[in-house]
Amino acid sequence: MVAGRIFVSLTPQEGKRLIGRGVAAMRQVRQALEGGTVVITPGTTNAYVYEELTGERIERGRFAIGIITPRGACVSDASSRMTEIVLSKGKPTGERLREALERLGPHDVFIKGANAVDPWGNAGVYLGSPTGGTIGMSLGILLARGVQVVVPVSLEKLIPFPVPEVVPEMGNMRFMASMGLPVGMVQIPGRVVTEVEAVRTLFNCRCIPVGGGGVNGGEGSRCYVLEGEKEALRAAWAYLEGIKGEPPLCVEEESCYECAIRCIGVERHAAKS
């Protein structure tokens, strides 16, 4: 019998803050922080994970690479962009990803955000680079060694089709035209953490997505019903009230004149055909 219910709404940035706290509370993440290695790759949701794991407040817009802007898929300004952070026993090592990958094993954690999540818990990430970028460099090593992969992704990115069926439809050299950067996609094997999993981890409550949308700054919001014991619900309510008003995340875009990537439009494609 359900002891109680509450109804809440979260903007995308509030959802990301919740997910960051949920990832930081996961058992395997805590264990890797204490005695192993945790790699946090750049991403808008991972910026919140970074803050929750390190206790350091950063310019979150700098901890991102691929982004979606009003004109389409894009990348952040390379000159101000932060790189991945590698934590060994909770302390930053200053290593770059290639170095860290050489020593990762089953007791370590690799945290990579996603661009899509489906109702079956599959996550996919865009591939803008022709060589696959961060995940292209990492995936084989992670799978070969059994590294624990954690995938923080907001239900803002929920898609109504199975990710494995979407992947074959993508490809950054397959499109006639693209609003911004054309991309491929790869499914990420790992523990997917949305707002639903974060609530369960933090408060031992059931979290049911029940709607979405918004206006006046609430665009992209999701609504949830939380079910559980009254004390757990009081704790969840207090925490979620505390993150209301989380400021929007702003990312500086790469200048089109300086960008090494060439986006495709109908006219350019026609000229090449």
C-alpha atoms as a PDB file:
ATOM      1  CA  MET A   1       0.000   0.000   0.000  1.00  0.00           C
ATOM      2  CA  VAL A   2       1.365   3.404  -0.976  1.00  0.00           C
ATOM      3  CA  ALA A   3       1.873   5.671   2.043  1.00  0.00           C
ATOM      4  CA  GLY A   4       1.803   8.894   0.046  1.00  0.00           C
ATOM      5  CA  ARG A   5       2.304  10.679  -3.247  1.00  0.00           C
ATOM      6  CA  ILE A   6       3.671  14.028  -4.355  1.00  0.00           C
ATOM      7  CA  PHE A   7       3.517  15.731  -7.762  1.00  0.00           C
ATOM      8  CA  VAL A   8       6.580  17.647  -8.929  1.00  0.00           C
ATOM      9  CA  SER A   9       7.901  19.334 -12.061  1.00  0.00           C
ATOM     10  CA  LEU A  10      11.547  19.830 -12.962  1.00  0.00           C
ATOM     11  CA  THR A  11      13.122  22.006 -15.622  1.00  0.00           C
ATOM     12  CA  PRO A  12      15.930  20.379 -17.639  1.00  0.00           C
ATOM     13  CA  GLN A  13      18.616  21.983 -15.479  1.00  0.00           C
ATOM     14  CA  GLU A  14      16.845  20.959 -12.252  1.00  0.00           C
ATOM     15  CA  GLY A  15      16.636  17.417 -13.606  1.00  0.00           C
ATOM     16  CA  LYS A  16      20.357  17.458 -14.381  1.00  0.00           C
ATOM     17  CA  ARG A  17      21.144  18.601 -10.833  1.00  0.00           C
ATOM     18  CA  LEU A  18      19.034  15.741  -9.451  1.00  0.00           C
ATOM     19  CA  ILE A  19      20.784  13.243 -11.715  1.00  0.00           C
ATOM     20  CA  GLY A  20      24.191  14.570 -10.659  1.00  0.00           C
ATOM     21  CA  ARG A  21      23.314  13.971  -7.019  1.00  0.00           C
ATOM     22  CA  GLY A  22      21.920  10.529  -7.857  1.00  0.00           C
ATOM     23  CA  VAL A  23      25.089   9.453  -9.678  1.00  0.00           C
ATOM     24  CA  ALA A  24      27.223  10.678  -6.783  1.00  0.00           C
ATOM     25  CA  ALA A  25      25.200   8.475  -4.401  1.00  0.00           C
ATOM     26  CA  MET A  26      25.568   5.253  -6.431  1.00  0.00           C
ATOM     27  CA  ARG A  27      27.392   2.445  -4.631  1.00  0.00           C
ATOM     28  CA  GLN A  28      29.782   1.632  -7.489  1.00  0.00           C
ATOM     29  CA  VAL A  29      30.655   5.295  -7.931  1.00  0.00           C
ATOM     30  CA  ARG A  30      31.340   5.747  -4.196  1.00  0.00           C
ATOM     31  CA  GLN A  31      33.534   2.642  -4.178  1.00  0.00           C
ATOM     32  CA  ALA A  32      35.525   3.814  -7.213  1.00  0.00           C
ATOM     33  CA  LEU A  33      35.964   7.233  -5.595  1.00  0.00           C
ATOM     34  CA  GLU A  34      37.374   5.618  -2.472  1.00  0.00           C
ATOM     35  CA  GLY A  35      39.691   3.066  -3.996  1.00  0.00           C
ATOM     36  CA  GLY A  36      39.766   3.328  -7.767  1.00  0.00           C
ATOM     37  CA  THR A  37      39.438   5.665 -10.717  1.00  0.00           C
ATOM     38  CA  VAL A  38      36.454   7.684 -11.924  1.00  0.00           C
ATOM     39  CA  VAL A  39      36.533   9.329 -15.360  1.00  0.00           C
ATOM     40  CA  ILE A  40      33.962  12.075 -16.030  1.00  0.00           C
ATOM     41  CA  THR A  41      33.774  13.047 -19.692  1.00  0.00           C
ATOM     42  CA  PRO A  42      32.472  16.474 -20.764  1.00  0.00           C
ATOM     43  CA  GLY A  43      28.738  16.939 -21.178  1.00  0.00           C
ATOM     44  CA  THR A  44      25.975  19.239 -19.981  1.00  0.00           C
ATOM     45  CA  THR A  45      24.591  16.677 -17.508  1.00  0.00           C
ATOM     46  CA  ASN A  46      28.070  15.542 -16.534  1.00  0.00           C
ATOM     47  CA  ALA A  47      28.876  19.113 -15.488  1.00  0.00           C
ATOM     48  CA  TYR A  48      26.469  18.575 -12.592  1.00  0.00           C
ATOM     49  CA  VAL A  49      27.974  15.136 -11.905  1.00  0.00           C
ATOM     50  CA  TYR A  50      31.400  16.816 -11.790  1.00  0.00           C
ATOM     51  CA  GLU A  51      30.194  19.304  -9.170  1.00  0.00           C
ATOM     52  CA  GLU A  52      28.480  16.673  -7.021  1.00  0.00           C
ATOM     53  CA  LEU A  53      31.483  14.314  -7.045  1.00  0.00           C
ATOM     54  CA  THR A  54      34.160  16.910  -6.408  1.00  0.00           C
ATOM     55  CA  GLY A  55      32.291  19.522  -4.373  1.00  0.00           C
ATOM     56  CA  GLU A  56      33.768  22.113  -6.747  1.00  0.00           C
ATOM     57  CA  ARG A  57      31.586  24.648  -8.533  1.00  0.00           C
ATOM     58  CA  ILE A  58      32.612  25.150 -12.143  1.00  0.00           C
ATOM     59  CA  GLU A  59      31.504  27.160 -15.172  1.00  0.00           C
ATOM     60  CA  ARG A  60      29.224  24.360 -16.291  1.00  0.00           C
ATOM     61  CA  GLY A  61      28.897  25.668 -19.833  1.00  0.00           C
ATOM     62  CA  ARG A  62      32.615  25.048 -20.354  1.00  0.00           C
ATOM     63  CA  PHE A  63      32.279  21.344 -19.510  1.00  0.00           C
ATOM     64  CA  ALA A  64      30.583  20.364 -22.769  1.00  0.00           C
ATOM     65  CA  ILE A  65      31.559  19.564 -26.341  1.00  0.00           C
ATOM     66  CA  GLY A  66      28.595  18.603 -28.530  1.00  0.00           C
ATOM     67  CA  ILE A  67      25.556  20.814 -27.965  1.00  0.00           C
ATOM     68  CA  ILE A  68      22.137  21.505 -29.486  1.00  0.00           C
ATOM     69  CA  THR A  69      21.465  25.196 -30.112  1.00  0.00           C
ATOM     70  CA  PRO A  70      18.451  26.960 -31.682  1.00  0.00           C
ATOM     71  CA  ARG A  71      20.064  26.590 -35.120  1.00  0.00           C
ATOM     72  CA  GLY A  72      20.946  22.924 -34.698  1.00  0.00           C
ATOM     73  CA  ALA A  73      23.717  20.585 -33.583  1.00  0.00           C
ATOM     74  CA  CYS A  74      26.953  22.416 -32.801  1.00  0.00           C
ATOM     75  CA  VAL A  75      30.103  22.255 -30.675  1.00  0.00           C
ATOM     76  CA  SER A  76      31.345  24.419 -27.837  1.00  0.00           C
ATOM     77  CA  ASP A  77      34.160  26.940 -28.189  1.00  0.00           C
ATOM     78  CA  ALA A  78      37.349  24.889 -28.160  1.00  0.00           C
ATOM     79  CA  SER A  79      39.482  27.678 -26.683  1.00  0.00           C
ATOM     80  CA  SER A  80      37.473  27.839 -23.437  1.00  0.00           C
ATOM     81  CA  ARG A  81      36.340  24.216 -23.207  1.00  0.00           C
ATOM     82  CA  MET A  82      37.250  22.113 -20.169  1.00  0.00           C
ATOM     83  CA  THR A  83      38.559  18.592 -20.719  1.00  0.00           C
ATOM     84  CA  GLU A  84      37.555  15.368 -18.986  1.00  0.00           C
ATOM     85  CA  ILE A  85      38.429  14.987 -15.308  1.00  0.00           C
ATOM     86  CA  VAL A  86      40.114  11.843 -13.955  1.00  0.00           C
ATOM     87  CA  LEU A  87      39.777  11.149 -10.233  1.00  0.00           C
ATOM     88  CA  SER A  88      42.019   8.586  -8.536  1.00  0.00           C
ATOM     89  CA  LYS A  89      40.854   7.808  -5.000  1.00  0.00           C
ATOM     90  CA  GLY A  90      38.801  10.978  -5.191  1.00  0.00           C
ATOM     91  CA  LYS A  91      41.659  13.278  -6.240  1.00  0.00           C
ATOM     92  CA  PRO A  92      42.157  14.851  -9.701  1.00  0.00           C
ATOM     93  CA  THR A  93      45.166  13.352 -11.487  1.00  0.00           C
ATOM     94  CA  GLY A  94      45.457  15.851 -14.340  1.00  0.00           C
ATOM     95  CA  GLU A  95      45.567  12.952 -16.820  1.00  0.00           C
ATOM     96  CA  ARG A  96      43.999  13.093 -20.251  1.00  0.00           C
ATOM     97  CA  LEU A  97      41.584  10.438 -21.415  1.00  0.00           C
ATOM     98  CA  ARG A  98      44.083   8.384 -23.436  1.00  0.00           C
ATOM     99  CA  GLU A  99      46.362   8.050 -20.410  1.00  0.00           C
ATOM    100  CA  ALA A 100      43.523   7.123 -18.059  1.00  0.00           C
ATOM    101  CA  LEU A 101      42.102   4.493 -20.401  1.00  0.00           C
ATOM    102  CA  GLU A 102      45.370   2.559 -20.241  1.00  0.00           C
ATOM    103  CA  ARG A 103      44.827   1.617 -16.597  1.00  0.00           C
ATOM    104  CA  LEU A 104      41.045   1.315 -16.197  1.00  0.00           C
ATOM    105  CA  GLY A 105      39.643  -1.972 -14.930  1.00  0.00           C
ATOM    106  CA  PRO A 106      36.453  -3.581 -13.545  1.00  0.00           C
ATOM    107  CA  HIS A 107      36.534  -1.622 -10.283  1.00  0.00           C
ATOM    108  CA  ASP A 108      36.730   1.738 -12.062  1.00  0.00           C
ATOM    109  CA  VAL A 109      33.876   3.903 -13.381  1.00  0.00           C
ATOM    110  CA  PHE A 110      33.588   5.742 -16.690  1.00  0.00           C
ATOM    111  CA  ILE A 111      30.829   8.391 -16.826  1.00  0.00           C
ATOM    112  CA  LYS A 112      29.518   9.411 -20.243  1.00  0.00           C
ATOM    113  CA  GLY A 113      26.357  11.376 -21.001  1.00  0.00           C
ATOM    114  CA  ALA A 114      23.931  10.650 -23.830  1.00  0.00           C
ATOM    115  CA  ASN A 115      21.794  12.421 -26.429  1.00  0.00           C
ATOM    116  CA  ALA A 116      18.906   9.968 -26.421  1.00  0.00           C
ATOM    117  CA  VAL A 117      17.253   7.505 -24.047  1.00  0.00           C
ATOM    118  CA  ASP A 118      14.346   5.231 -24.913  1.00  0.00           C
ATOM    119  CA  PRO A 119      11.527   3.775 -22.751  1.00  0.00           C
ATOM    120  CA  TRP A 120      13.444   0.485 -22.487  1.00  0.00           C
ATOM    121  CA  GLY A 121      16.470   2.057 -20.837  1.00  0.00           C
ATOM    122  CA  ASN A 122      18.769   2.137 -23.872  1.00  0.00           C
ATOM    123  CA  ALA A 123      20.914   5.233 -24.382  1.00  0.00           C
ATOM    124  CA  GLY A 124      22.597   6.600 -27.488  1.00  0.00           C
ATOM    125  CA  VAL A 125      25.215   9.284 -28.020  1.00  0.00           C
ATOM    126  CA  TYR A 126      25.798  11.376 -31.137  1.00  0.00           C
ATOM    127  CA  LEU A 127      28.999  10.995 -33.103  1.00  0.00           C
ATOM    128  CA  GLY A 128      29.982  14.264 -34.737  1.00  0.00           C
ATOM    129  CA  SER A 129      33.618  13.346 -35.277  1.00  0.00           C
ATOM    130  CA  PRO A 130      34.298  11.096 -38.288  1.00  0.00           C
ATOM    131  CA  THR A 131      36.442   8.946 -35.958  1.00  0.00           C
ATOM    132  CA  GLY A 132      33.805   8.674 -33.221  1.00  0.00           C
ATOM    133  CA  GLY A 133      35.157  11.191 -30.697  1.00  0.00           C
ATOM    134  CA  THR A 134      35.332  10.302 -26.995  1.00  0.00           C
ATOM    135  CA  ILE A 135      33.187   7.182 -27.141  1.00  0.00           C
ATOM    136  CA  GLY A 136      34.863   5.977 -30.345  1.00  0.00           C
ATOM    137  CA  MET A 137      38.208   6.143 -28.571  1.00  0.00           C
ATOM    138  CA  SER A 138      36.930   4.481 -25.411  1.00  0.00           C
ATOM    139  CA  LEU A 139      34.217   1.933 -26.095  1.00  0.00           C
ATOM    140  CA  GLY A 140      36.347  -1.036 -27.121  1.00  0.00           C
ATOM    141  CA  ILE A 141      38.619  -0.672 -24.095  1.00  0.00           C
ATOM    142  CA  LEU A 142      35.682  -0.259 -21.697  1.00  0.00           C
ATOM    143  CA  LEU A 143      33.935  -3.365 -22.986  1.00  0.00           C
ATOM    144  CA  ALA A 144      37.094  -5.450 -23.219  1.00  0.00           C
ATOM    145  CA  ARG A 145      38.044  -4.782 -19.600  1.00  0.00           C
ATOM    146  CA  GLY A 146      34.627  -4.723 -18.011  1.00  0.00           C
ATOM    147  CA  VAL A 147      34.886  -1.119 -16.826  1.00  0.00           C
ATOM    148  CA  GLN A 148      31.675   0.067 -15.146  1.00  0.00           C
ATOM    149  CA  VAL A 149      29.991   2.594 -17.437  1.00  0.00           C
ATOM    150  CA  VAL A 150      27.470   5.040 -15.977  1.00  0.00           C
ATOM    151  CA  VAL A 151      25.274   7.038 -18.361  1.00  0.00           C
ATOM    152  CA  PRO A 152      23.577  10.113 -16.820  1.00  0.00           C
ATOM    153  CA  VAL A 153      20.804  11.317 -19.129  1.00  0.00           C
ATOM    154  CA  SER A 154      17.701  13.403 -18.506  1.00  0.00           C
ATOM    155  CA  LEU A 155      14.250  12.320 -19.653  1.00  0.00           C
ATOM    156  CA  GLU A 156      14.322  15.617 -21.542  1.00  0.00           C
ATOM    157  CA  LYS A 157      16.093  13.406 -24.116  1.00  0.00           C
ATOM    158  CA  LEU A 158      13.482  10.627 -24.158  1.00  0.00           C
ATOM    159  CA  ILE A 159      12.699   9.325 -27.656  1.00  0.00           C
ATOM    160  CA  PRO A 160       9.687   7.115 -28.543  1.00  0.00           C
ATOM    161  CA  PHE A 161      11.677   4.562 -30.591  1.00  0.00           C
ATOM    162  CA  PRO A 162      14.197   1.896 -29.513  1.00  0.00           C
ATOM    163  CA  VAL A 163      17.726   3.294 -29.676  1.00  0.00           C
ATOM    164  CA  PRO A 164      19.013   0.121 -31.465  1.00  0.00           C
ATOM    165  CA  GLU A 165      16.560   0.874 -34.302  1.00  0.00           C
ATOM    166  CA  VAL A 166      17.582   4.542 -34.496  1.00  0.00           C
ATOM    167  CA  VAL A 167      21.344   3.918 -34.721  1.00  0.00           C
ATOM    168  CA  PRO A 168      21.250   2.455 -38.296  1.00  0.00           C
ATOM    169  CA  GLU A 169      19.319   5.522 -39.495  1.00  0.00           C
ATOM    170  CA  MET A 170      22.128   7.874 -38.477  1.00  0.00           C
ATOM    171  CA  GLY A 171      25.572   8.658 -39.911  1.00  0.00           C
ATOM    172  CA  ASN A 172      27.430  11.938 -40.275  1.00  0.00           C
ATOM    173  CA  MET A 173      28.110  11.275 -43.973  1.00  0.00           C
ATOM    174  CA  ARG A 174      24.628  10.030 -44.860  1.00  0.00           C
ATOM    175  CA  PHE A 175      22.520  13.200 -44.793  1.00  0.00           C
ATOM    176  CA  MET A 176      21.545  15.369 -47.743  1.00  0.00           C
ATOM    177  CA  ALA A 177      21.282  18.331 -45.383  1.00  0.00           C
ATOM    178  CA  SER A 178      21.632  18.997 -41.675  1.00  0.00           C
ATOM    179  CA  MET A 179      20.611  21.814 -39.331  1.00  0.00           C
ATOM    180  CA  GLY A 180      24.084  22.238 -37.916  1.00  0.00           C
ATOM    181  CA  LEU A 181      26.544  19.409 -37.489  1.00  0.00           C
ATOM    182  CA  PRO A 182      25.493  16.074 -39.055  1.00  0.00           C
ATOM    183  CA  VAL A 183      25.924  13.191 -36.638  1.00  0.00           C
ATOM    184  CA  GLY A 184      25.975   9.442 -36.300  1.00  0.00           C
ATOM    185  CA  MET A 185      24.904   7.591 -33.173  1.00  0.00           C
ATOM    186  CA  VAL A 186      26.142   4.683 -31.087  1.00  0.00           C
ATOM    187  CA  GLN A 187      24.341   2.876 -28.291  1.00  0.00           C
ATOM    188  CA  ILE A 188      26.191   3.118 -24.975  1.00  0.00           C
ATOM    189  CA  PRO A 189      26.226  -0.026 -22.855  1.00  0.00           C
ATOM    190  CA  GLY A 190      26.090   0.893 -19.190  1.00  0.00           C
ATOM    191  CA  ARG A 191      23.957   1.838 -16.212  1.00  0.00           C
ATOM    192  CA  VAL A 192      21.560   4.532 -17.418  1.00  0.00           C
ATOM    193  CA  VAL A 193      20.635   7.098 -14.753  1.00  0.00           C
ATOM    194  CA  THR A 194      17.637   9.355 -15.422  1.00  0.00           C
ATOM    195  CA  GLU A 195      15.600  11.388 -12.945  1.00  0.00           C
ATOM    196  CA  VAL A 196      13.663   8.177 -12.200  1.00  0.00           C
ATOM    197  CA  GLU A 197      16.753   6.233 -11.100  1.00  0.00           C
ATOM    198  CA  ALA A 198      18.109   9.244  -9.222  1.00  0.00           C
ATOM    199  CA  VAL A 199      14.934   9.535  -7.112  1.00  0.00           C
ATOM    200  CA  ARG A 200      15.000   5.810  -6.365  1.00  0.00           C
ATOM    201  CA  THR A 201      18.677   5.929  -5.365  1.00  0.00           C
ATOM    202  CA  LEU A 202      18.400   9.033  -3.205  1.00  0.00           C
ATOM    203  CA  PHE A 203      15.002   8.623  -1.553  1.00  0.00           C
ATOM    204  CA  ASN A 204      13.908   5.012  -2.110  1.00  0.00           C
ATOM    205  CA  CYS A 205      10.754   6.320  -3.785  1.00  0.00           C
ATOM    206  CA  ARG A 206       9.010   5.241  -6.939  1.00  0.00           C
ATOM    207  CA  CYS A 207       9.183   7.953  -9.621  1.00  0.00           C
ATOM    208  CA  ILE A 208       6.637   7.951 -12.456  1.00  0.00           C
ATOM    209  CA  PRO A 209       7.013  10.349 -15.414  1.00  0.00           C
ATOM    210  CA  VAL A 210       3.543  11.767 -16.134  1.00  0.00           C
ATOM    211  CA  GLY A 211       4.002  14.671 -18.565  1.00  0.00           C
ATOM    212  CA  GLY A 212       6.218  17.389 -19.939  1.00  0.00           C
ATOM    213  CA  GLY A 213       6.582  20.726 -21.666  1.00  0.00           C
ATOM    214  CA  GLY A 214       6.420  24.268 -20.336  1.00  0.00           C
ATOM    215  CA  VAL A 215       6.501  28.018 -20.954  1.00  0.00           C
ATOM    216  CA  ASN A 216       8.067  31.153 -19.417  1.00  0.00           C
ATOM    217  CA  GLY A 217      11.405  29.454 -18.818  1.00  0.00           C
ATOM    218  CA  GLY A 218       9.877  26.049 -18.074  1.00  0.00           C
ATOM    219  CA  GLU A 219      10.375  24.762 -21.627  1.00  0.00           C
ATOM    220  CA  GLY A 220      11.503  21.145 -21.668  1.00  0.00           C
ATOM    221  CA  SER A 221      10.241  20.460 -18.146  1.00  0.00           C
ATOM    222  CA  ARG A 222       9.099  17.021 -17.019  1.00  0.00           C
ATOM    223  CA  CYS A 223       6.427  16.228 -14.462  1.00  0.00           C
ATOM    224  CA  TYR A 224       6.603  13.286 -12.049  1.00  0.00           C
ATOM    225  CA  VAL A 225       4.572  11.522  -9.402  1.00  0.00           C
ATOM    226  CA  LEU A 226       6.680  10.230  -6.504  1.00  0.00           C
ATOM    227  CA  GLU A 227       5.294   7.410  -4.371  1.00  0.00           C
ATOM    228  CA  GLY A 228       6.706   6.182  -1.084  1.00  0.00           C
ATOM    229  CA  GLU A 229       6.781   6.397   2.671  1.00  0.00           C
ATOM    230  CA  LYS A 230       5.895   9.808   4.045  1.00  0.00           C
ATOM    231  CA  GLU A 231       9.317  10.487   5.564  1.00  0.00           C
ATOM    232  CA  ALA A 232      11.023   9.630   2.278  1.00  0.00           C
ATOM    233  CA  LEU A 233       8.616  11.880   0.413  1.00  0.00           C
ATOM    234  CA  ARG A 234       9.257  14.741   2.834  1.00  0.00           C
ATOM    235  CA  ALA A 235      13.009  14.359   2.216  1.00  0.00           C
ATOM    236  CA  ALA A 236      12.454  14.265  -1.560  1.00  0.00           C
ATOM    237  CA  TRP A 237      10.175  17.318  -1.436  1.00  0.00           C
ATOM    238  CA  ALA A 238      12.685  19.323   0.619  1.00  0.00           C
ATOM    239  CA  TYR A 239      15.525  18.444  -1.753  1.00  0.00           C
ATOM    240  CA  LEU A 240      13.543  19.148  -4.933  1.00  0.00           C
ATOM    241  CA  GLU A 241      12.284  22.459  -3.548  1.00  0.00           C
ATOM    242  CA  GLY A 242      15.926  23.296  -2.831  1.00  0.00           C
ATOM    243  CA  ILE A 243      16.974  22.890  -6.458  1.00  0.00           C
ATOM    244  CA  LYS A 244      14.036  24.831  -7.909  1.00  0.00           C
ATOM    245  CA  GLY A 245      15.361  27.852  -9.753  1.00  0.00           C
ATOM    246  CA  GLU A 246      18.574  26.131 -10.911  1.00  0.00           C
ATOM    247  CA  PRO A 247      19.877  28.639 -13.496  1.00  0.00           C
ATOM    248  CA  PRO A 248      19.892  27.797 -17.204  1.00  0.00           C
ATOM    249  CA  LEU A 249      23.091  26.400 -18.628  1.00  0.00           C
ATOM    250  CA  CYS A 250      24.798  28.613 -21.220  1.00  0.00           C
ATOM    251  CA  VAL A 251      27.512  27.331 -23.540  1.00  0.00           C
ATOM    252  CA  GLU A 252      29.708  29.464 -25.789  1.00  0.00           C
ATOM    253  CA  GLU A 253      29.503  28.122 -29.334  1.00  0.00           C
ATOM    254  CA  GLU A 254      32.480  27.643 -31.617  1.00  0.00           C
ATOM    255  CA  SER A 255      32.775  30.342 -34.275  1.00  0.00           C
ATOM    256  CA  CYS A 256      31.740  29.024 -37.695  1.00  0.00           C
ATOM    257  CA  TYR A 257      34.741  30.835 -39.176  1.00  0.00           C
ATOM    258  CA  GLU A 258      37.188  29.017 -36.894  1.00  0.00           C
ATOM    259  CA  CYS A 259      35.452  25.648 -36.692  1.00  0.00           C
ATOM    260  CA  ALA A 260      37.245  22.734 -38.357  1.00  0.00           C
ATOM    261  CA  ILE A 261      33.929  20.922 -38.872  1.00  0.00           C
ATOM    262  CA  ARG A 262      31.954  21.812 -41.963  1.00  0.00           C
ATOM    263  CA  CYS A 263      28.204  21.553 -41.554  1.00  0.00           C
ATOM    264  CA  ILE A 264      26.179  20.584 -44.632  1.00  0.00           C
ATOM    265  CA  GLY A 265      23.230  22.374 -46.188  1.00  0.00           C
ATOM    266  CA  VAL A 266      21.096  21.598 -49.211  1.00  0.00           C
ATOM    267  CA  GLU A 267      23.016  24.016 -51.440  1.00  0.00           C
ATOM    268  CA  ARG A 268      26.432  22.668 -50.456  1.00  0.00           C
ATOM    269  CA  HIS A 269      25.318  19.091 -50.949  1.00  0.00           C
ATOM    270  CA  ALA A 270      23.894  19.949 -54.358  1.00  0.00           C
ATOM    271  CA  ALA A 271      27.171  21.588 -55.371  1.00  0.00           C
ATOM    272  CA  LYS A 272      29.106  18.451 -54.491  1.00  0.00           C
ATOM    273  CA  SER A 273      26.648  16.068 -56.184  1.00  0.00           C
END
